[in-house]
Amino acid sequence: MTVFLVLIVIILFAVAIWQMNKIYALSKGNSSGESGEVANGKDNRINAKLMVMFMVFLYFLMFYCFWHYSKFYLPEASSAHGSKYDNLMFISIALIMVVQIITQFLLHFFAYKYNGKKGQRALFYADNDKLEFIWTIIPVIVLAGLIIYGLFTWSDIMNFDEDEDALVVELYAQRFNWKARYAGEDNILGDANVRFIEGINQLGIDPSDLDGQDDVVTQELHLPVGRQVIFKLRSQDVLHSAYMPHFRAQMNVVPGMITQFSFTPTVTTEEIRKTDYMQDKMRTIQEIRKEKSKKLVAAGEPALDDYDEFDYYLLCNKICGESHYNMQMKIIVESQEDYEKWIKTQKTFEASVAQ
């Protein structure tokens, strides 16, 4: 990679020297007062037509990419607040597209219409207060409206009211894995500090804090559908970022402080598996994995494991080290009844220490 970057720098330097030589030659001119480097009428007409062709190509490429890469869009959000997040994104994209289409058309059309012609001089137009007011006030109004709408959306998502039955869960980040700590029957997480990390106590729960005795530490995140979940986030080592794309949730996990985020899951794991979007996605993934397995087997390596069903995952969205790509934890969204059955099978911190 270093050699490749050095080559690029050398090439760019050579191009810069070449362009500087051309500029120097143009500045000297010749005895006839004309230079082959100066564009003539034919050159201007050709470039004007090329500008129109480039505009058509640009629009074609844009619409093709929107159509072709739409398969990579995420499905509908699986959280109560997710639709607000998606609406903000799609409104922003729509505004950008409208402005981009208009401005690109004007840019290329004017380059075609007003191409250089011999004897034609550009009109000197000093200023126009009315025009300047229009092209200043319209972007101000649009951007102000978008920013205000975004602030209200952000406030609705981040400044949440805590429900009486809200589930409190701590997400603990370590290079390169996640652990979940559930508040016990008191729904209060016990105090924790890295100074208490020892042996089985990998999250540093304070053994003297009675609120932490009934806490439950797991390697898998189970969430009851339709119930608010309040996440408390801690990091043991470096900066991480808890990212749950299907729930439109992301929050930095910062060493030395506790951050928080909340959402209400609305779609269970079983329900999203049955959607047309996800079934089509899984078929595509299976085809890719089959082809890759054939190549691995042909090379004398073991084939990939079966991957038949979709699962939600908690990912790390900060580059935290060499195994960052594999820092993930499965999320299972289920009914309240199934969640209660599962949590009863898990050991409390007190029972784990005693054992």
Protein backbone atom coordinates (compact mmCIF):
# COMPACT_ATOMS: atom_id res chain seq x y z
CA MET A 1 0.00 0.00 0.00
CA THR A 2 2.83 2.42 0.82
CA VAL A 3 4.47 1.79 -2.57
CA PHE A 4 1.11 2.38 -4.29
CA LEU A 5 0.64 5.71 -2.51
CA VAL A 6 4.19 6.79 -3.36
CA LEU A 7 3.55 6.00 -7.05
CA ILE A 8 0.37 8.07 -6.99
CA VAL A 9 2.23 11.02 -5.46
CA ILE A 10 4.99 10.76 -8.11
CA ILE A 11 2.44 10.61 -10.95
CA LEU A 12 0.50 13.59 -9.59
CA PHE A 13 3.74 15.55 -9.20
CA ALA A 14 4.69 14.78 -12.81
CA VAL A 15 1.25 15.89 -14.04
CA ALA A 16 1.59 19.13 -12.04
CA ILE A 17 4.99 19.86 -13.64
CA TRP A 18 3.56 19.13 -17.09
CA GLN A 19 0.62 21.50 -16.54
CA MET A 20 2.95 24.21 -15.24
CA ASN A 21 5.02 23.91 -18.43
CA LYS A 22 1.86 24.28 -20.53
CA ILE A 23 0.85 27.39 -18.61
CA TYR A 24 4.33 28.86 -19.13
CA ALA A 25 4.17 28.16 -22.87
CA LEU A 26 0.73 29.77 -23.13
CA SER A 27 1.94 32.85 -21.29
CA LYS A 28 4.75 33.36 -23.87
CA GLY A 29 2.49 33.08 -26.91
CA ASN A 30 3.96 33.38 -30.44
CA SER A 31 4.66 36.01 -33.09
CA SER A 32 1.32 35.60 -34.88
CA GLY A 33 -0.60 36.23 -31.70
CA GLU A 34 -2.36 32.85 -31.90
CA SER A 35 -1.61 29.54 -30.28
CA GLY A 36 -2.69 26.02 -31.05
CA GLU A 37 -3.43 25.63 -27.36
CA VAL A 38 -6.22 28.24 -27.46
CA ALA A 39 -9.68 26.82 -28.22
CA ASN A 40 -11.26 27.89 -31.51
CA GLY A 41 -14.93 27.85 -32.56
CA LYS A 42 -14.87 24.18 -33.51
CA ASP A 43 -13.35 23.21 -30.15
CA ASN A 44 -16.03 25.21 -28.32
CA ARG A 45 -18.87 23.56 -30.26
CA ILE A 46 -17.47 20.10 -29.58
CA ASN A 47 -17.07 20.79 -25.88
CA ALA A 48 -20.57 22.27 -25.68
CA LYS A 49 -22.03 19.06 -27.12
CA LEU A 50 -19.86 16.98 -24.82
CA MET A 51 -21.27 18.88 -21.85
CA VAL A 52 -24.82 17.93 -22.88
CA MET A 53 -23.78 14.31 -23.40
CA PHE A 54 -22.12 14.27 -19.98
CA MET A 55 -25.29 15.67 -18.40
CA VAL A 56 -27.38 12.90 -19.95
CA PHE A 57 -24.84 10.31 -18.81
CA LEU A 58 -24.81 11.78 -15.29
CA TYR A 59 -28.59 11.61 -14.99
CA PHE A 60 -28.66 8.08 -16.39
CA LEU A 61 -25.98 6.95 -13.94
CA MET A 62 -27.79 8.58 -11.02
CA PHE A 63 -31.16 6.94 -11.72
CA TYR A 64 -29.52 3.60 -12.51
CA CYS A 65 -27.66 3.62 -9.17
CA PHE A 66 -30.86 4.43 -7.30
CA TRP A 67 -32.60 1.51 -8.98
CA HIS A 68 -29.75 -1.00 -8.94
CA TYR A 69 -28.52 -0.38 -5.40
CA SER A 70 -31.99 -0.10 -3.86
CA LYS A 71 -31.59 -3.77 -2.88
CA PHE A 72 -29.08 -2.65 -0.25
CA TYR A 73 -31.60 -0.46 1.53
CA LEU A 74 -32.50 -1.54 5.04
CA PRO A 75 -36.06 -2.84 5.55
CA GLU A 76 -38.62 -0.82 7.46
CA ALA A 77 -37.40 0.08 10.93
CA SER A 78 -38.04 -2.42 13.72
CA SER A 79 -38.37 0.25 16.39
CA ALA A 80 -41.05 2.78 17.31
CA HIS A 81 -38.87 5.80 16.56
CA GLY A 82 -37.36 4.37 13.37
CA SER A 83 -39.97 5.87 11.03
CA LYS A 84 -39.05 9.40 12.23
CA TYR A 85 -35.40 8.71 11.46
CA ASP A 86 -36.24 7.35 7.99
CA ASN A 87 -38.55 10.27 7.18
CA LEU A 88 -35.80 12.76 8.00
CA MET A 89 -33.33 10.89 5.79
CA PHE A 90 -35.71 10.58 2.81
CA ILE A 91 -36.74 14.26 3.02
CA SER A 92 -33.05 15.25 3.03
CA ILE A 93 -32.34 12.99 0.03
CA ALA A 94 -35.36 14.37 -1.87
CA LEU A 95 -34.27 17.98 -1.32
CA ILE A 96 -30.71 17.21 -2.38
CA MET A 97 -31.95 15.43 -5.51
CA VAL A 98 -34.24 18.30 -6.57
CA VAL A 99 -31.49 20.88 -6.12
CA GLN A 100 -28.91 18.66 -7.80
CA ILE A 101 -31.10 17.99 -10.86
CA ILE A 102 -31.92 21.69 -11.36
CA THR A 103 -28.41 23.03 -10.80
CA GLN A 104 -26.70 20.36 -12.93
CA PHE A 105 -29.13 21.04 -15.77
CA LEU A 106 -28.49 24.78 -15.63
CA LEU A 107 -24.73 24.28 -15.42
CA HIS A 108 -24.52 22.04 -18.49
CA PHE A 109 -27.25 23.80 -20.50
CA PHE A 110 -25.61 27.21 -20.12
CA ALA A 111 -22.24 25.73 -21.08
CA TYR A 112 -23.91 24.49 -24.29
CA LYS A 113 -26.00 27.59 -25.07
CA TYR A 114 -23.30 30.15 -24.35
CA ASN A 115 -20.28 28.39 -25.83
CA GLY A 116 -17.50 30.62 -27.09
CA LYS A 117 -17.98 32.22 -30.51
CA LYS A 118 -15.55 34.47 -32.33
CA GLY A 119 -16.46 38.12 -31.91
CA GLN A 120 -18.97 37.39 -29.14
CA ARG A 121 -18.32 39.07 -25.82
CA ALA A 122 -19.90 38.28 -22.48
CA LEU A 123 -22.29 40.84 -21.01
CA PHE A 124 -20.89 42.72 -18.04
CA TYR A 125 -23.57 42.48 -15.36
CA ALA A 126 -22.40 44.00 -12.10
CA ASP A 127 -25.19 42.98 -9.71
CA ASN A 128 -28.92 42.50 -9.22
CA ASP A 129 -30.26 42.91 -5.70
CA LYS A 130 -33.51 41.10 -6.48
CA LEU A 131 -31.78 38.00 -7.89
CA GLU A 132 -29.25 37.93 -5.06
CA PHE A 133 -32.08 38.15 -2.52
CA ILE A 134 -33.94 35.26 -4.18
CA TRP A 135 -30.99 32.85 -4.40
CA THR A 136 -29.99 33.71 -0.84
CA ILE A 137 -33.33 33.64 0.96
CA ILE A 138 -34.61 30.40 -0.64
CA PRO A 139 -31.66 28.25 0.56
CA VAL A 140 -31.86 29.95 3.98
CA ILE A 141 -35.54 29.07 4.36
CA VAL A 142 -35.09 25.49 3.10
CA LEU A 143 -32.02 24.78 5.25
CA ALA A 144 -33.55 26.43 8.32
CA GLY A 145 -36.69 24.32 7.91
CA LEU A 146 -34.65 21.15 7.48
CA ILE A 147 -32.45 21.92 10.49
CA ILE A 148 -35.43 22.76 12.72
CA TYR A 149 -37.23 19.58 11.63
CA GLY A 150 -34.05 17.61 12.32
CA LEU A 151 -33.68 19.15 15.78
CA PHE A 152 -37.26 18.26 16.69
CA THR A 153 -36.73 14.71 15.40
CA TRP A 154 -33.47 14.41 17.37
CA SER A 155 -35.17 15.74 20.50
CA ASP A 156 -38.08 13.29 20.19
CA ILE A 157 -35.68 10.35 19.87
CA MET A 158 -33.05 11.31 22.44
CA ASN A 159 -35.11 13.08 25.14
CA PHE A 160 -37.32 10.14 25.96
CA ASP A 161 -39.76 9.68 28.84
CA GLU A 162 -39.16 6.55 30.89
CA ASP A 163 -42.11 4.15 31.00
CA GLU A 164 -43.03 2.54 34.31
CA ASP A 165 -42.24 -0.94 33.00
CA ALA A 166 -39.15 0.06 30.98
CA LEU A 167 -36.45 -2.60 30.78
CA VAL A 168 -32.97 -1.41 31.84
CA VAL A 169 -30.05 -3.11 30.10
CA GLU A 170 -26.35 -2.29 30.17
CA LEU A 171 -24.27 -2.92 27.07
CA TYR A 172 -20.62 -3.44 27.98
CA ALA A 173 -18.02 -3.10 25.23
CA GLN A 174 -14.67 -4.91 25.27
CA ARG A 175 -12.27 -5.47 22.45
CA PHE A 176 -13.73 -7.39 20.67
CA ASN A 177 -17.05 -8.51 22.14
CA TRP A 178 -20.21 -7.26 23.80
CA LYS A 179 -21.85 -8.30 27.05
CA ALA A 180 -25.34 -7.43 28.25
CA ARG A 181 -26.25 -6.84 31.90
CA TYR A 182 -29.92 -6.92 32.85
CA ALA A 183 -31.22 -5.21 35.96
CA GLY A 184 -32.83 -7.83 38.21
CA GLU A 185 -36.27 -7.81 39.78
CA ASP A 186 -35.60 -4.35 41.28
CA ASN A 187 -34.95 -3.04 37.73
CA ILE A 188 -31.92 -1.16 39.07
CA LEU A 189 -28.41 -1.83 37.79
CA GLY A 190 -25.79 -2.21 40.49
CA ASP A 191 -22.75 0.05 40.61
CA ALA A 192 -19.76 -1.04 38.56
CA ASN A 193 -16.14 -0.02 38.20
CA VAL A 194 -13.18 -1.44 36.30
CA ARG A 195 -11.34 -1.78 39.63
CA PHE A 196 -13.68 -4.67 40.52
CA ILE A 197 -12.92 -6.68 37.37
CA GLU A 198 -11.54 -10.01 38.55
CA GLY A 199 -12.23 -13.63 37.68
CA ILE A 200 -15.88 -14.18 36.81
CA ASN A 201 -16.71 -10.53 37.48
CA GLN A 202 -15.78 -9.35 33.97
CA LEU A 203 -17.99 -6.27 34.05
CA GLY A 204 -16.64 -4.92 37.34
CA ILE A 205 -19.91 -5.11 39.27
CA ASP A 206 -19.49 -3.81 42.82
CA PRO A 207 -19.86 -6.90 45.08
CA SER A 208 -20.89 -4.70 48.02
CA ASP A 209 -23.82 -3.09 46.16
CA LEU A 210 -27.04 -4.98 46.91
CA ASP A 211 -28.68 -3.59 43.74
CA GLY A 212 -26.18 -5.55 41.66
CA GLN A 213 -26.67 -8.96 43.29
CA ASP A 214 -29.68 -9.80 41.11
CA ASP A 215 -28.13 -8.44 37.89
CA VAL A 216 -27.88 -10.92 35.02
CA VAL A 217 -24.90 -10.94 32.63
CA THR A 218 -25.37 -12.60 29.22
CA GLN A 219 -23.62 -13.02 25.87
CA GLU A 220 -26.90 -12.65 23.96
CA LEU A 221 -29.33 -9.73 23.91
CA HIS A 222 -33.01 -10.64 24.36
CA LEU A 223 -35.60 -7.85 24.05
CA PRO A 224 -39.37 -8.05 24.61
CA VAL A 225 -41.40 -6.62 21.73
CA GLY A 226 -43.52 -3.55 22.45
CA ARG A 227 -41.66 -2.70 25.68
CA GLN A 228 -39.34 0.26 26.09
CA VAL A 229 -35.68 -0.67 26.56
CA ILE A 230 -33.25 1.79 28.14
CA PHE A 231 -29.63 1.01 27.31
CA LYS A 232 -26.76 2.12 29.53
CA LEU A 233 -23.46 1.87 27.66
CA ARG A 234 -19.94 1.44 29.07
CA SER A 235 -16.57 0.66 27.53
CA GLN A 236 -13.70 -1.15 29.23
CA ASP A 237 -10.95 -0.05 26.86
CA VAL A 238 -11.31 2.16 23.80
CA LEU A 239 -14.01 4.14 22.02
CA HIS A 240 -16.70 1.86 20.57
CA SER A 241 -20.10 2.56 19.04
CA ALA A 242 -23.19 0.44 19.67
CA TYR A 243 -24.89 0.13 16.29
CA MET A 244 -28.22 -1.63 15.72
CA PRO A 245 -29.11 -0.69 12.12
CA HIS A 246 -32.50 -2.42 11.92
CA PHE A 247 -33.64 -0.43 14.95
CA ARG A 248 -32.09 2.82 13.65
CA ALA A 249 -30.05 3.08 16.83
CA GLN A 250 -26.44 4.08 17.37
CA MET A 251 -24.62 5.54 20.35
CA ASN A 252 -20.92 5.98 21.13
CA VAL A 253 -19.56 3.91 24.00
CA VAL A 254 -16.95 6.06 25.71
CA PRO A 255 -14.38 4.85 28.29
CA GLY A 256 -14.87 6.52 31.66
CA MET A 257 -18.48 7.59 31.18
CA ILE A 258 -21.97 6.14 30.77
CA THR A 259 -23.98 7.00 27.67
CA GLN A 260 -27.57 5.95 27.09
CA PHE A 261 -30.13 5.35 24.39
CA SER A 262 -33.68 4.04 24.35
CA PHE A 263 -36.05 2.49 21.87
CA THR A 264 -39.08 0.22 21.75
CA PRO A 265 -38.78 -2.88 19.50
CA THR A 266 -41.83 -3.32 17.28
CA VAL A 267 -40.97 -6.35 15.11
CA THR A 268 -39.96 -9.72 16.54
CA THR A 269 -37.17 -11.81 15.06
CA GLU A 270 -39.69 -14.37 13.81
CA GLU A 271 -41.84 -11.69 12.17
CA ILE A 272 -39.01 -10.07 10.21
CA ARG A 273 -37.81 -13.48 9.04
CA LYS A 274 -41.19 -13.99 7.33
CA THR A 275 -41.15 -10.72 5.37
CA ASP A 276 -40.67 -10.87 1.61
CA TYR A 277 -37.70 -8.51 1.88
CA MET A 278 -35.82 -10.72 4.32
CA GLN A 279 -36.62 -14.00 2.58
CA ASP A 280 -35.34 -12.58 -0.71
CA LYS A 281 -32.26 -11.25 1.08
CA MET A 282 -31.54 -14.65 2.64
CA ARG A 283 -31.83 -16.40 -0.72
CA THR A 284 -29.27 -14.00 -2.19
CA ILE A 285 -26.90 -14.51 0.75
CA GLN A 286 -27.21 -18.29 0.52
CA GLU A 287 -26.36 -18.23 -3.20
CA ILE A 288 -23.26 -16.12 -2.51
CA ARG A 289 -22.16 -18.41 0.31
CA LYS A 290 -22.67 -21.54 -1.82
CA GLU A 291 -20.44 -20.15 -4.57
CA LYS A 292 -17.80 -19.17 -2.03
CA SER A 293 -17.99 -22.60 -0.39
CA LYS A 294 -17.32 -24.28 -3.75
CA LYS A 295 -14.16 -22.24 -4.17
CA LEU A 296 -13.03 -22.99 -0.61
CA VAL A 297 -13.61 -26.74 -1.03
CA ALA A 298 -11.77 -26.70 -4.36
CA ALA A 299 -8.84 -25.07 -2.56
CA GLY A 300 -8.87 -27.79 0.10
CA GLU A 301 -10.44 -25.61 2.80
CA PRO A 302 -13.65 -26.29 4.78
CA ALA A 303 -16.92 -24.96 3.42
CA LEU A 304 -18.80 -22.12 5.11
CA ASP A 305 -21.32 -22.97 7.81
CA ASP A 306 -25.02 -22.92 6.94
CA TYR A 307 -26.73 -19.56 7.35
CA ASP A 308 -30.44 -20.15 6.92
CA GLU A 309 -32.16 -17.62 9.18
CA PHE A 310 -31.80 -13.91 9.69
CA ASP A 311 -30.93 -12.50 13.10
CA TYR A 312 -30.70 -8.97 14.41
CA TYR A 313 -27.18 -8.03 15.52
CA LEU A 314 -25.52 -5.45 17.70
CA LEU A 315 -22.40 -4.24 15.89
CA CYS A 316 -19.50 -1.93 16.66
CA ASN A 317 -19.38 1.07 14.34
CA LYS A 318 -16.02 2.48 15.43
CA ILE A 319 -12.73 1.08 14.15
CA CYS A 320 -11.51 -0.23 17.50
CA GLY A 321 -8.78 -2.68 16.43
CA GLU A 322 -7.87 -5.59 14.19
CA SER A 323 -10.97 -7.68 15.06
CA HIS A 324 -13.39 -4.75 14.93
CA TYR A 325 -15.26 -6.34 12.01
CA ASN A 326 -16.23 -9.32 14.16
CA MET A 327 -17.38 -7.41 17.27
CA GLN A 328 -21.05 -8.35 17.31
CA MET A 329 -23.77 -9.83 19.50
CA LYS A 330 -27.00 -11.52 18.46
CA ILE A 331 -30.24 -9.73 19.31
CA ILE A 332 -33.45 -11.71 19.75
CA VAL A 333 -36.73 -9.80 19.84
CA GLU A 334 -39.52 -11.95 21.24
CA SER A 335 -42.80 -11.80 23.10
CA GLN A 336 -42.90 -10.74 26.75
CA GLU A 337 -43.75 -14.31 27.75
CA ASP A 338 -40.78 -15.79 25.88
CA TYR A 339 -38.50 -13.14 27.32
CA GLU A 340 -39.58 -13.92 30.88
CA LYS A 341 -39.02 -17.63 30.31
CA TRP A 342 -35.52 -16.95 29.00
CA ILE A 343 -34.47 -14.53 31.74
CA LYS A 344 -35.51 -17.05 34.41
CA THR A 345 -32.97 -19.53 33.01
CA GLN A 346 -30.09 -17.07 33.44
CA LYS A 347 -27.93 -16.93 36.57
CA THR A 348 -27.79 -13.78 38.66
CA PHE A 349 -24.46 -12.17 39.57
CA GLU A 350 -24.85 -13.40 43.14
CA ALA A 351 -25.42 -17.01 42.02
CA SER A 352 -22.49 -16.88 39.59
CA VAL A 353 -20.09 -15.62 42.27
CA ALA A 354 -21.32 -18.18 44.77
CA GLN A 355 -20.81 -20.99 42.28
